[in-house]
Amino acid sequence: MPSFSNSLETSIHKALSLANVRKHELATLEHLLLALLDEVDASRVMQACGVDIESLKKSVTKFLDEELNSLVSNLEGSEAVPTTGFQRVIQRAAIHVQSSGRTEVTGANVLVAIFA
């Protein structure tokens, strides 16, 4: 099984933190996308595709803050858990990397898996 790049690991932890700060019981693909906007490999791909990263960051943040109120947990000290979709995207990226003979999963691979 391939390993995760350091920056991808940081982004996955950041996605969980973004959910925890908002007291969301689940970490969604939107949390992951927001975290990937600061990940070096994923942001390079987005810039090459002409994505306005700052605008996307604002839109995703607004979505998380305004549209996911149903995910707020009142349990003190609870930690966000990745959704099934979040987990599948990470698995899909790892499988793609492994099948291509590479050894490291990057944010770019996860970004592609989100949109696959």
PDB file of N, CA and C in Angstrom:
ATOM      1  N   MET A   1       0.849  -1.187   0.000  1.00  0.00           N
ATOM      2  CA  MET A   1       0.000   0.000   0.000  1.00  0.00           C
ATOM      3  C   MET A   1       0.890   1.244   0.000  1.00  0.00           C
ATOM      4  N   PRO A   2       0.549   2.233  -0.834  1.00  0.00           N
ATOM      5  CA  PRO A   2       1.373   3.446  -0.872  1.00  0.00           C
ATOM      6  C   PRO A   2       1.214   4.276   0.405  1.00  0.00           C
ATOM      7  N   SER A   3       2.196   5.112   0.646  1.00  0.00           N
ATOM      8  CA  SER A   3       2.148   5.995   1.821  1.00  0.00           C
ATOM      9  C   SER A   3       1.590   7.355   1.403  1.00  0.00           C
ATOM     10  N   PHE A   4       1.205   8.140   2.384  1.00  0.00           N
ATOM     11  CA  PHE A   4       0.704   9.488   2.137  1.00  0.00           C
ATOM     12  C   PHE A   4       1.862  10.473   2.251  1.00  0.00           C
ATOM     13  N   SER A   5       1.855  11.478   1.385  1.00  0.00           N
ATOM     14  CA  SER A   5       2.861  12.532   1.513  1.00  0.00           C
ATOM     15  C   SER A   5       2.611  13.276   2.819  1.00  0.00           C
ATOM     16  N   ASN A   6       3.652  13.912   3.328  1.00  0.00           N
ATOM     17  CA  ASN A   6       3.507  14.669   4.576  1.00  0.00           C
ATOM     18  C   ASN A   6       2.438  15.751   4.453  1.00  0.00           C
ATOM     19  N   SER A   7       2.422  16.431   3.310  1.00  0.00           N
ATOM     20  CA  SER A   7       1.444  17.509   3.138  1.00  0.00           C
ATOM     21  C   SER A   7       0.019  16.965   3.052  1.00  0.00           C
ATOM     22  N   LEU A   8      -0.156  15.765   2.495  1.00  0.00           N
ATOM     23  CA  LEU A   8      -1.491  15.158   2.458  1.00  0.00           C
ATOM     24  C   LEU A   8      -1.925  14.759   3.863  1.00  0.00           C
ATOM     25  N   GLU A   9      -1.030  14.156   4.620  1.00  0.00           N
ATOM     26  CA  GLU A   9      -1.373  13.807   6.005  1.00  0.00           C
ATOM     27  C   GLU A   9      -1.797  15.041   6.782  1.00  0.00           C
ATOM     28  N   THR A  10      -1.065  16.124   6.604  1.00  0.00           N
ATOM     29  CA  THR A  10      -1.403  17.379   7.267  1.00  0.00           C
ATOM     30  C   THR A  10      -2.795  17.846   6.839  1.00  0.00           C
ATOM     31  N   SER A  11      -3.101  17.723   5.556  1.00  0.00           N
ATOM     32  CA  SER A  11      -4.409  18.148   5.050  1.00  0.00           C
ATOM     33  C   SER A  11      -5.551  17.293   5.595  1.00  0.00           C
ATOM     34  N   ILE A  12      -5.327  16.006   5.725  1.00  0.00           N
ATOM     35  CA  ILE A  12      -6.360  15.134   6.281  1.00  0.00           C
ATOM     36  C   ILE A  12      -6.632  15.511   7.727  1.00  0.00           C
ATOM     37  N   HIS A  13      -5.575  15.754   8.478  1.00  0.00           N
ATOM     38  CA  HIS A  13      -5.743  16.189   9.876  1.00  0.00           C
ATOM     39  C   HIS A  13      -6.424  17.556   9.940  1.00  0.00           C
ATOM     40  N   LYS A  14      -6.068  18.428   8.990  1.00  0.00           N
ATOM     41  CA  LYS A  14      -6.692  19.751   8.954  1.00  0.00           C
ATOM     42  C   LYS A  14      -8.183  19.626   8.653  1.00  0.00           C
ATOM     43  N   ALA A  15      -8.554  18.721   7.756  1.00  0.00           N
ATOM     44  CA  ALA A  15      -9.974  18.511   7.436  1.00  0.00           C
ATOM     45  C   ALA A  15     -10.747  18.088   8.685  1.00  0.00           C
ATOM     46  N   LEU A  16     -10.169  17.190   9.449  1.00  0.00           N
ATOM     47  CA  LEU A  16     -10.815  16.757  10.699  1.00  0.00           C
ATOM     48  C   LEU A  16     -10.893  17.915  11.689  1.00  0.00           C
ATOM     49  N   SER A  17      -9.849  18.727  11.748  1.00  0.00           N
ATOM     50  CA  SER A  17      -9.844  19.886  12.639  1.00  0.00           C
ATOM     51  C   SER A  17     -10.896  20.912  12.231  1.00  0.00           C
ATOM     52  N   LEU A  18     -11.041  21.112  10.916  1.00  0.00           N
ATOM     53  CA  LEU A  18     -12.060  22.040  10.427  1.00  0.00           C
ATOM     54  C   LEU A  18     -13.451  21.594  10.873  1.00  0.00           C
ATOM     55  N   ALA A  19     -13.679  20.299  10.863  1.00  0.00           N
ATOM     56  CA  ALA A  19     -14.967  19.767  11.330  1.00  0.00           C
ATOM     57  C   ALA A  19     -15.085  19.925  12.839  1.00  0.00           C
ATOM     58  N   ASN A  20     -14.021  19.630  13.569  1.00  0.00           N
ATOM     59  CA  ASN A  20     -14.059  19.727  15.032  1.00  0.00           C
ATOM     60  C   ASN A  20     -14.296  21.155  15.509  1.00  0.00           C
ATOM     61  N   VAL A  21     -13.660  22.126  14.871  1.00  0.00           N
ATOM     62  CA  VAL A  21     -13.821  23.531  15.250  1.00  0.00           C
ATOM     63  C   VAL A  21     -15.285  23.954  15.110  1.00  0.00           C
ATOM     64  N   ARG A  22     -15.952  23.402  14.112  1.00  0.00           N
ATOM     65  CA  ARG A  22     -17.357  23.740  13.883  1.00  0.00           C
ATOM     66  C   ARG A  22     -18.300  22.830  14.671  1.00  0.00           C
ATOM     67  N   LYS A  23     -17.714  21.937  15.475  1.00  0.00           N
ATOM     68  CA  LYS A  23     -18.466  20.956  16.269  1.00  0.00           C
ATOM     69  C   LYS A  23     -19.301  20.024  15.394  1.00  0.00           C
ATOM     70  N   HIS A  24     -18.811  19.765  14.176  1.00  0.00           N
ATOM     71  CA  HIS A  24     -19.480  18.826  13.284  1.00  0.00           C
ATOM     72  C   HIS A  24     -19.129  17.408  13.714  1.00  0.00           C
ATOM     73  N   GLU A  25     -20.122  16.552  13.753  1.00  0.00           N
ATOM     74  CA  GLU A  25     -19.841  15.167  14.136  1.00  0.00           C
ATOM     75  C   GLU A  25     -19.201  14.385  13.001  1.00  0.00           C
ATOM     76  N   LEU A  26     -19.343  14.881  11.769  1.00  0.00           N
ATOM     77  CA  LEU A  26     -18.776  14.218  10.606  1.00  0.00           C
ATOM     78  C   LEU A  26     -17.860  15.163   9.839  1.00  0.00           C
ATOM     79  N   ALA A  27     -16.779  14.629   9.316  1.00  0.00           N
ATOM     80  CA  ALA A  27     -15.896  15.363   8.409  1.00  0.00           C
ATOM     81  C   ALA A  27     -16.275  14.943   6.995  1.00  0.00           C
ATOM     82  N   THR A  28     -16.701  15.905   6.197  1.00  0.00           N
ATOM     83  CA  THR A  28     -17.227  15.629   4.862  1.00  0.00           C
ATOM     84  C   THR A  28     -16.193  15.920   3.778  1.00  0.00           C
ATOM     85  N   LEU A  29     -16.592  15.634   2.543  1.00  0.00           N
ATOM     86  CA  LEU A  29     -15.721  15.958   1.415  1.00  0.00           C
ATOM     87  C   LEU A  29     -15.473  17.461   1.315  1.00  0.00           C
ATOM     88  N   GLU A  30     -16.423  18.260   1.762  1.00  0.00           N
ATOM     89  CA  GLU A  30     -16.226  19.706   1.749  1.00  0.00           C
ATOM     90  C   GLU A  30     -15.130  20.126   2.729  1.00  0.00           C
ATOM     91  N   HIS A  31     -15.078  19.490   3.881  1.00  0.00           N
ATOM     92  CA  HIS A  31     -13.986  19.752   4.827  1.00  0.00           C
ATOM     93  C   HIS A  31     -12.647  19.375   4.179  1.00  0.00           C
ATOM     94  N   LEU A  32     -12.643  18.222   3.508  1.00  0.00           N
ATOM     95  CA  LEU A  32     -11.420  17.751   2.853  1.00  0.00           C
ATOM     96  C   LEU A  32     -11.009  18.701   1.731  1.00  0.00           C
ATOM     97  N   LEU A  33     -11.974  19.134   0.907  1.00  0.00           N
ATOM     98  CA  LEU A  33     -11.658  20.061  -0.171  1.00  0.00           C
ATOM     99  C   LEU A  33     -11.077  21.359   0.376  1.00  0.00           C
ATOM    100  N   LEU A  34     -11.678  21.888   1.430  1.00  0.00           N
ATOM    101  CA  LEU A  34     -11.170  23.128   2.016  1.00  0.00           C
ATOM    102  C   LEU A  34      -9.729  22.944   2.498  1.00  0.00           C
ATOM    103  N   ALA A  35      -9.444  21.822   3.108  1.00  0.00           N
ATOM    104  CA  ALA A  35      -8.078  21.552   3.566  1.00  0.00           C
ATOM    105  C   ALA A  35      -7.115  21.403   2.380  1.00  0.00           C
ATOM    106  N   LEU A  36      -7.581  20.810   1.293  1.00  0.00           N
ATOM    107  CA  LEU A  36      -6.722  20.604   0.120  1.00  0.00           C
ATOM    108  C   LEU A  36      -6.384  21.907  -0.596  1.00  0.00           C
ATOM    109  N   LEU A  37      -7.163  22.949  -0.365  1.00  0.00           N
ATOM    110  CA  LEU A  37      -6.877  24.223  -1.017  1.00  0.00           C
ATOM    111  C   LEU A  37      -5.530  24.793  -0.586  1.00  0.00           C
ATOM    112  N   ASP A  38      -5.048  24.367   0.577  1.00  0.00           N
ATOM    113  CA  ASP A  38      -3.739  24.806   1.068  1.00  0.00           C
ATOM    114  C   ASP A  38      -2.655  23.740   0.885  1.00  0.00           C
ATOM    115  N   GLU A  39      -3.012  22.596   0.336  1.00  0.00           N
ATOM    116  CA  GLU A  39      -2.043  21.515   0.123  1.00  0.00           C
ATOM    117  C   GLU A  39      -1.284  21.794  -1.170  1.00  0.00           C
ATOM    118  N   VAL A  40       0.024  21.689  -1.133  1.00  0.00           N
ATOM    119  CA  VAL A  40       0.881  22.134  -2.237  1.00  0.00           C
ATOM    120  C   VAL A  40       0.543  21.469  -3.570  1.00  0.00           C
ATOM    121  N   ASP A  41       0.408  20.164  -3.617  1.00  0.00           N
ATOM    122  CA  ASP A  41       0.177  19.462  -4.884  1.00  0.00           C
ATOM    123  C   ASP A  41      -1.228  19.722  -5.419  1.00  0.00           C
ATOM    124  N   ALA A  42      -2.218  19.690  -4.549  1.00  0.00           N
ATOM    125  CA  ALA A  42      -3.597  19.934  -4.977  1.00  0.00           C
ATOM    126  C   ALA A  42      -3.762  21.371  -5.451  1.00  0.00           C
ATOM    127  N   SER A  43      -3.169  22.315  -4.745  1.00  0.00           N
ATOM    128  CA  SER A  43      -3.316  23.719  -5.152  1.00  0.00           C
ATOM    129  C   SER A  43      -2.618  23.987  -6.482  1.00  0.00           C
ATOM    130  N   ARG A  44      -1.518  23.298  -6.752  1.00  0.00           N
ATOM    131  CA  ARG A  44      -0.847  23.440  -8.054  1.00  0.00           C
ATOM    132  C   ARG A  44      -1.764  22.990  -9.186  1.00  0.00           C
ATOM    133  N   VAL A  45      -2.438  21.863  -8.963  1.00  0.00           N
ATOM    134  CA  VAL A  45      -3.360  21.356  -9.986  1.00  0.00           C
ATOM    135  C   VAL A  45      -4.498  22.346 -10.202  1.00  0.00           C
ATOM    136  N   MET A  46      -5.059  22.861  -9.106  1.00  0.00           N
ATOM    137  CA  MET A  46      -6.164  23.808  -9.229  1.00  0.00           C
ATOM    138  C   MET A  46      -5.720  25.087  -9.934  1.00  0.00           C
ATOM    139  N   GLN A  47      -4.534  25.579  -9.605  1.00  0.00           N
ATOM    140  CA  GLN A  47      -4.025  26.786 -10.268  1.00  0.00           C
ATOM    141  C   GLN A  47      -3.816  26.539 -11.757  1.00  0.00           C
ATOM    142  N   ALA A  48      -3.300  25.365 -12.103  1.00  0.00           N
ATOM    143  CA  ALA A  48      -3.083  25.023 -13.508  1.00  0.00           C
ATOM    144  C   ALA A  48      -4.407  24.932 -14.269  1.00  0.00           C
ATOM    145  N   CYS A  49      -5.481  24.628 -13.564  1.00  0.00           N
ATOM    146  CA  CYS A  49      -6.813  24.548 -14.179  1.00  0.00           C
ATOM    147  C   CYS A  49      -7.553  25.880 -14.131  1.00  0.00           C
ATOM    148  N   GLY A  50      -6.906  26.914 -13.619  1.00  0.00           N
ATOM    149  CA  GLY A  50      -7.508  28.231 -13.589  1.00  0.00           C
ATOM    150  C   GLY A  50      -8.496  28.465 -12.462  1.00  0.00           C
ATOM    151  N   VAL A  51      -8.406  27.680 -11.421  1.00  0.00           N
ATOM    152  CA  VAL A  51      -9.311  27.829 -10.280  1.00  0.00           C
ATOM    153  C   VAL A  51      -8.923  29.070  -9.478  1.00  0.00           C
ATOM    154  N   ASP A  52      -9.908  29.867  -9.118  1.00  0.00           N
ATOM    155  CA  ASP A  52      -9.700  30.996  -8.221  1.00  0.00           C
ATOM    156  C   ASP A  52      -9.759  30.429  -6.802  1.00  0.00           C
ATOM    157  N   ILE A  53      -8.605  30.105  -6.257  1.00  0.00           N
ATOM    158  CA  ILE A  53      -8.529  29.391  -4.978  1.00  0.00           C
ATOM    159  C   ILE A  53      -9.140  30.209  -3.845  1.00  0.00           C
ATOM    160  N   GLU A  54      -8.876  31.498  -3.816  1.00  0.00           N
ATOM    161  CA  GLU A  54      -9.431  32.331  -2.735  1.00  0.00           C
ATOM    162  C   GLU A  54     -10.948  32.376  -2.791  1.00  0.00           C
ATOM    163  N   SER A  55     -11.499  32.487  -3.976  1.00  0.00           N
ATOM    164  CA  SER A  55     -12.954  32.502  -4.139  1.00  0.00           C
ATOM    165  C   SER A  55     -13.560  31.161  -3.729  1.00  0.00           C
ATOM    166  N   LEU A  56     -12.913  30.081  -4.151  1.00  0.00           N
ATOM    167  CA  LEU A  56     -13.395  28.747  -3.786  1.00  0.00           C
ATOM    168  C   LEU A  56     -13.312  28.545  -2.281  1.00  0.00           C
ATOM    169  N   LYS A  57     -12.230  29.019  -1.680  1.00  0.00           N
ATOM    170  CA  LYS A  57     -12.049  28.904  -0.232  1.00  0.00           C
ATOM    171  C   LYS A  57     -13.198  29.622   0.502  1.00  0.00           C
ATOM    172  N   LYS A  58     -13.536  30.814   0.040  1.00  0.00           N
ATOM    173  CA  LYS A  58     -14.639  31.566   0.656  1.00  0.00           C
ATOM    174  C   LYS A  58     -15.968  30.834   0.492  1.00  0.00           C
ATOM    175  N   SER A  59     -16.206  30.296  -0.687  1.00  0.00           N
ATOM    176  CA  SER A  59     -17.465  29.590  -0.954  1.00  0.00           C
ATOM    177  C   SER A  59     -17.605  28.328  -0.114  1.00  0.00           C
ATOM    178  N   VAL A  60     -16.542  27.560  -0.037  1.00  0.00           N
ATOM    179  CA  VAL A  60     -16.597  26.312   0.739  1.00  0.00           C
ATOM    180  C   VAL A  60     -16.725  26.625   2.237  1.00  0.00           C
ATOM    181  N   THR A  61     -16.009  27.630   2.704  1.00  0.00           N
ATOM    182  CA  THR A  61     -16.115  28.028   4.110  1.00  0.00           C
ATOM    183  C   THR A  61     -17.536  28.472   4.428  1.00  0.00           C
ATOM    184  N   LYS A  62     -18.117  29.269   3.551  1.00  0.00           N
ATOM    185  CA  LYS A  62     -19.501  29.718   3.752  1.00  0.00           C
ATOM    186  C   LYS A  62     -20.449  28.527   3.793  1.00  0.00           C
ATOM    187  N   PHE A  63     -20.245  27.568   2.886  1.00  0.00           N
ATOM    188  CA  PHE A  63     -21.083  26.369   2.860  1.00  0.00           C
ATOM    189  C   PHE A  63     -20.973  25.612   4.189  1.00  0.00           C
ATOM    190  N   LEU A  64     -19.748  25.401   4.655  1.00  0.00           N
ATOM    191  CA  LEU A  64     -19.547  24.676   5.911  1.00  0.00           C
ATOM    192  C   LEU A  64     -20.201  25.403   7.083  1.00  0.00           C
ATOM    193  N   ASP A  65     -20.089  26.714   7.095  1.00  0.00           N
ATOM    194  CA  ASP A  65     -20.604  27.502   8.218  1.00  0.00           C
ATOM    195  C   ASP A  65     -22.121  27.665   8.190  1.00  0.00           C
ATOM    196  N   GLU A  66     -22.705  27.664   6.997  1.00  0.00           N
ATOM    197  CA  GLU A  66     -24.133  27.977   6.901  1.00  0.00           C
ATOM    198  C   GLU A  66     -25.030  26.803   6.537  1.00  0.00           C
ATOM    199  N   GLU A  67     -24.491  25.806   5.853  1.00  0.00           N
ATOM    200  CA  GLU A  67     -25.349  24.748   5.327  1.00  0.00           C
ATOM    201  C   GLU A  67     -25.252  23.408   6.067  1.00  0.00           C
ATOM    202  N   LEU A  68     -24.299  23.268   6.933  1.00  0.00           N
ATOM    203  CA  LEU A  68     -24.118  21.965   7.595  1.00  0.00           C
ATOM    204  C   LEU A  68     -24.473  22.007   9.079  1.00  0.00           C
ATOM    205  N   ASN A  69     -25.433  22.829   9.421  1.00  0.00           N
ATOM    206  CA  ASN A  69     -25.857  22.928  10.821  1.00  0.00           C
ATOM    207  C   ASN A  69     -26.388  21.604  11.369  1.00  0.00           C
ATOM    208  N   SER A  70     -26.896  20.752  10.483  1.00  0.00           N
ATOM    209  CA  SER A  70     -27.422  19.460  10.936  1.00  0.00           C
ATOM    210  C   SER A  70     -26.314  18.537  11.444  1.00  0.00           C
ATOM    211  N   LEU A  71     -25.059  18.866  11.145  1.00  0.00           N
ATOM    212  CA  LEU A  71     -23.938  18.038  11.599  1.00  0.00           C
ATOM    213  C   LEU A  71     -23.400  18.459  12.960  1.00  0.00           C
ATOM    214  N   VAL A  72     -23.907  19.557  13.507  1.00  0.00           N
ATOM    215  CA  VAL A  72     -23.407  20.046  14.791  1.00  0.00           C
ATOM    216  C   VAL A  72     -23.813  19.083  15.897  1.00  0.00           C
ATOM    217  N   SER A  73     -22.832  18.720  16.700  1.00  0.00           N
ATOM    218  CA  SER A  73     -23.051  17.799  17.817  1.00  0.00           C
ATOM    219  C   SER A  73     -22.962  18.575  19.124  1.00  0.00           C
ATOM    220  N   ASN A  74     -23.864  18.258  20.032  1.00  0.00           N
ATOM    221  CA  ASN A  74     -23.861  18.906  21.341  1.00  0.00           C
ATOM    222  C   ASN A  74     -23.073  18.112  22.378  1.00  0.00           C
ATOM    223  N   LEU A  75     -22.530  16.973  21.985  1.00  0.00           N
ATOM    224  CA  LEU A  75     -21.760  16.152  22.911  1.00  0.00           C
ATOM    225  C   LEU A  75     -20.398  16.791  23.158  1.00  0.00           C
ATOM    226  N   GLU A  76     -20.117  17.089  24.393  1.00  0.00           N
ATOM    227  CA  GLU A  76     -18.849  17.727  24.761  1.00  0.00           C
ATOM    228  C   GLU A  76     -17.685  16.766  24.535  1.00  0.00           C
ATOM    229  N   GLY A  77     -16.652  17.244  23.864  1.00  0.00           N
ATOM    230  CA  GLY A  77     -15.446  16.452  23.671  1.00  0.00           C
ATOM    231  C   GLY A  77     -15.520  15.442  22.546  1.00  0.00           C
ATOM    232  N   SER A  78     -16.602  15.447  21.772  1.00  0.00           N
ATOM    233  CA  SER A  78     -16.689  14.477  20.676  1.00  0.00           C
ATOM    234  C   SER A  78     -15.805  14.914  19.514  1.00  0.00           C
ATOM    235  N   GLU A  79     -15.279  13.958  18.800  1.00  0.00           N
ATOM    236  CA  GLU A  79     -14.388  14.201  17.670  1.00  0.00           C
ATOM    237  C   GLU A  79     -15.117  13.863  16.372  1.00  0.00           C
ATOM    238  N   ALA A  80     -14.850  14.634  15.336  1.00  0.00           N
ATOM    239  CA  ALA A  80     -15.447  14.378  14.027  1.00  0.00           C
ATOM    240  C   ALA A  80     -14.918  13.071  13.449  1.00  0.00           C
ATOM    241  N   VAL A  81     -15.798  12.367  12.751  1.00  0.00           N
ATOM    242  CA  VAL A  81     -15.462  11.110  12.094  1.00  0.00           C
ATOM    243  C   VAL A  81     -15.615  11.321  10.590  1.00  0.00           C
ATOM    244  N   PRO A  82     -14.674  10.854   9.788  1.00  0.00           N
ATOM    245  CA  PRO A  82     -14.813  11.006   8.335  1.00  0.00           C
ATOM    246  C   PRO A  82     -16.052  10.270   7.817  1.00  0.00           C
ATOM    247  N   THR A  83     -16.764  10.895   6.874  1.00  0.00           N
ATOM    248  CA  THR A  83     -17.906  10.231   6.252  1.00  0.00           C
ATOM    249  C   THR A  83     -17.409   9.074   5.389  1.00  0.00           C
ATOM    250  N   THR A  84     -18.331   8.244   4.971  1.00  0.00           N
ATOM    251  CA  THR A  84     -17.982   7.141   4.072  1.00  0.00           C
ATOM    252  C   THR A  84     -17.399   7.691   2.775  1.00  0.00           C
ATOM    253  N   GLY A  85     -17.976   8.779   2.271  1.00  0.00           N
ATOM    254  CA  GLY A  85     -17.469   9.392   1.045  1.00  0.00           C
ATOM    255  C   GLY A  85     -16.044   9.880   1.198  1.00  0.00           C
ATOM    256  N   PHE A  86     -15.740  10.500   2.329  1.00  0.00           N
ATOM    257  CA  PHE A  86     -14.388  10.974   2.657  1.00  0.00           C
ATOM    258  C   PHE A  86     -13.429   9.783   2.615  1.00  0.00           C
ATOM    259  N   GLN A  87     -13.795   8.708   3.285  1.00  0.00           N
ATOM    260  CA  GLN A  87     -12.935   7.521   3.339  1.00  0.00           C
ATOM    261  C   GLN A  87     -12.748   6.907   1.959  1.00  0.00           C
ATOM    262  N   ARG A  88     -13.825   6.840   1.171  1.00  0.00           N
ATOM    263  CA  ARG A  88     -13.739   6.242  -0.163  1.00  0.00           C
ATOM    264  C   ARG A  88     -12.824   7.041  -1.086  1.00  0.00           C
ATOM    265  N   VAL A  89     -12.877   8.353  -0.982  1.00  0.00           N
ATOM    266  CA  VAL A  89     -12.008   9.192  -1.810  1.00  0.00           C
ATOM    267  C   VAL A  89     -10.545   8.921  -1.490  1.00  0.00           C
ATOM    268  N   ILE A  90     -10.227   8.829  -0.212  1.00  0.00           N
ATOM    269  CA  ILE A  90      -8.847   8.538   0.189  1.00  0.00           C
ATOM    270  C   ILE A  90      -8.436   7.148  -0.325  1.00  0.00           C
ATOM    271  N   GLN A  91      -9.329   6.173  -0.179  1.00  0.00           N
ATOM    272  CA  GLN A  91      -9.038   4.818  -0.662  1.00  0.00           C
ATOM    273  C   GLN A  91      -8.870   4.792  -2.176  1.00  0.00           C
ATOM    274  N   ARG A  92      -9.746   5.500  -2.889  1.00  0.00           N
ATOM    275  CA  ARG A  92      -9.677   5.536  -4.356  1.00  0.00           C
ATOM    276  C   ARG A  92      -8.349   6.138  -4.808  1.00  0.00           C
ATOM    277  N   ALA A  93      -7.912   7.199  -4.143  1.00  0.00           N
ATOM    278  CA  ALA A  93      -6.630   7.822  -4.484  1.00  0.00           C
ATOM    279  C   ALA A  93      -5.476   6.846  -4.241  1.00  0.00           C
ATOM    280  N   ALA A  94      -5.521   6.144  -3.115  1.00  0.00           N
ATOM    281  CA  ALA A  94      -4.451   5.183  -2.789  1.00  0.00           C
ATOM    282  C   ALA A  94      -4.422   4.034  -3.794  1.00  0.00           C
ATOM    283  N   ILE A  95      -5.589   3.545  -4.178  1.00  0.00           N
ATOM    284  CA  ILE A  95      -5.657   2.437  -5.144  1.00  0.00           C
ATOM    285  C   ILE A  95      -5.129   2.891  -6.504  1.00  0.00           C
ATOM    286  N   HIS A  96      -5.489   4.097  -6.901  1.00  0.00           N
ATOM    287  CA  HIS A  96      -5.005   4.622  -8.181  1.00  0.00           C
ATOM    288  C   HIS A  96      -3.477   4.751  -8.181  1.00  0.00           C
ATOM    289  N   VAL A  97      -2.935   5.279  -7.103  1.00  0.00           N
ATOM    290  CA  VAL A  97      -1.481   5.430  -6.997  1.00  0.00           C
ATOM    291  C   VAL A  97      -0.804   4.065  -7.037  1.00  0.00           C
ATOM    292  N   GLN A  98      -1.352   3.120  -6.277  1.00  0.00           N
ATOM    293  CA  GLN A  98      -0.774   1.777  -6.236  1.00  0.00           C
ATOM    294  C   GLN A  98      -0.828   1.122  -7.615  1.00  0.00           C
ATOM    295  N   SER A  99      -1.957   1.244  -8.308  1.00  0.00           N
ATOM    296  CA  SER A  99      -2.092   0.586  -9.609  1.00  0.00           C
ATOM    297  C   SER A  99      -1.206   1.226 -10.673  1.00  0.00           C
ATOM    298  N   SER A 100      -0.780   2.463 -10.444  1.00  0.00           N
ATOM    299  CA  SER A 100       0.095   3.123 -11.408  1.00  0.00           C
ATOM    300  C   SER A 100       1.574   2.897 -11.079  1.00  0.00           C
ATOM    301  N   GLY A 101       1.847   2.130 -10.020  1.00  0.00           N
ATOM    302  CA  GLY A 101       3.223   1.783  -9.683  1.00  0.00           C
ATOM    303  C   GLY A 101       3.959   2.819  -8.862  1.00  0.00           C
ATOM    304  N   ARG A 102       3.250   3.858  -8.431  1.00  0.00           N
ATOM    305  CA  ARG A 102       3.895   4.866  -7.599  1.00  0.00           C
ATOM    306  C   ARG A 102       3.753   4.485  -6.130  1.00  0.00           C
ATOM    307  N   THR A 103       4.470   5.190  -5.279  1.00  0.00           N
ATOM    308  CA  THR A 103       4.508   4.779  -3.870  1.00  0.00           C
ATOM    309  C   THR A 103       3.949   5.815  -2.909  1.00  0.00           C
ATOM    310  N   GLU A 104       3.605   7.017  -3.413  1.00  0.00           N
ATOM    311  CA  GLU A 104       3.152   8.064  -2.506  1.00  0.00           C
ATOM    312  C   GLU A 104       1.873   8.725  -3.009  1.00  0.00           C
ATOM    313  N   VAL A 105       0.894   8.821  -2.123  1.00  0.00           N
ATOM    314  CA  VAL A 105      -0.366   9.493  -2.432  1.00  0.00           C
ATOM    315  C   VAL A 105      -0.213  10.966  -2.064  1.00  0.00           C
ATOM    316  N   THR A 106      -0.575  11.850  -2.991  1.00  0.00           N
ATOM    317  CA  THR A 106      -0.467  13.295  -2.755  1.00  0.00           C
ATOM    318  C   THR A 106      -1.858  13.927  -2.753  1.00  0.00           C
ATOM    319  N   GLY A 107      -1.884  15.182  -2.407  1.00  0.00           N
ATOM    320  CA  GLY A 107      -3.135  15.919  -2.450  1.00  0.00           C
ATOM    321  C   GLY A 107      -3.731  15.969  -3.845  1.00  0.00           C
ATOM    322  N   ALA A 108      -2.881  15.997  -4.864  1.00  0.00           N
ATOM    323  CA  ALA A 108      -3.360  15.995  -6.248  1.00  0.00           C
ATOM    324  C   ALA A 108      -4.127  14.719  -6.538  1.00  0.00           C
ATOM    325  N   ASN A 109      -3.630  13.583  -6.046  1.00  0.00           N
ATOM    326  CA  ASN A 109      -4.329  12.313  -6.253  1.00  0.00           C
ATOM    327  C   ASN A 109      -5.693  12.317  -5.572  1.00  0.00           C
ATOM    328  N   VAL A 110      -5.755  12.896  -4.381  1.00  0.00           N
ATOM    329  CA  VAL A 110      -7.021  12.964  -3.648  1.00  0.00           C
ATOM    330  C   VAL A 110      -7.983  13.915  -4.356  1.00  0.00           C
ATOM    331  N   LEU A 111      -7.479  15.018  -4.852  1.00  0.00           N
ATOM    332  CA  LEU A 111      -8.315  15.964  -5.587  1.00  0.00           C
ATOM    333  C   LEU A 111      -8.944  15.294  -6.805  1.00  0.00           C
ATOM    334  N   VAL A 112      -8.147  14.551  -7.559  1.00  0.00           N
ATOM    335  CA  VAL A 112      -8.664  13.822  -8.711  1.00  0.00           C
ATOM    336  C   VAL A 112      -9.721  12.817  -8.279  1.00  0.00           C
ATOM    337  N   ALA A 113      -9.480  12.136  -7.162  1.00  0.00           N
ATOM    338  CA  ALA A 113     -10.433  11.141  -6.662  1.00  0.00           C
ATOM    339  C   ALA A 113     -11.753  11.785  -6.228  1.00  0.00           C
ATOM    340  N   ILE A 114     -11.699  12.998  -5.718  1.00  0.00           N
ATOM    341  CA  ILE A 114     -12.935  13.696  -5.343  1.00  0.00           C
ATOM    342  C   ILE A 114     -13.806  13.911  -6.573  1.00  0.00           C
ATOM    343  N   PHE A 115     -13.182  14.295  -7.662  1.00  0.00           N
ATOM    344  CA  PHE A 115     -13.931  14.627  -8.861  1.00  0.00           C
ATOM    345  C   PHE A 115     -14.111  13.454  -9.823  1.00  0.00           C
ATOM    346  N   ALA A 116     -13.593  12.295  -9.460  1.00  0.00           N
ATOM    347  CA  ALA A 116     -13.736  11.114 -10.321  1.00  0.00           C
ATOM    348  C   ALA A 116     -15.162  10.612 -10.336  1.00  0.00           C
TER     349      ALA A 116
END
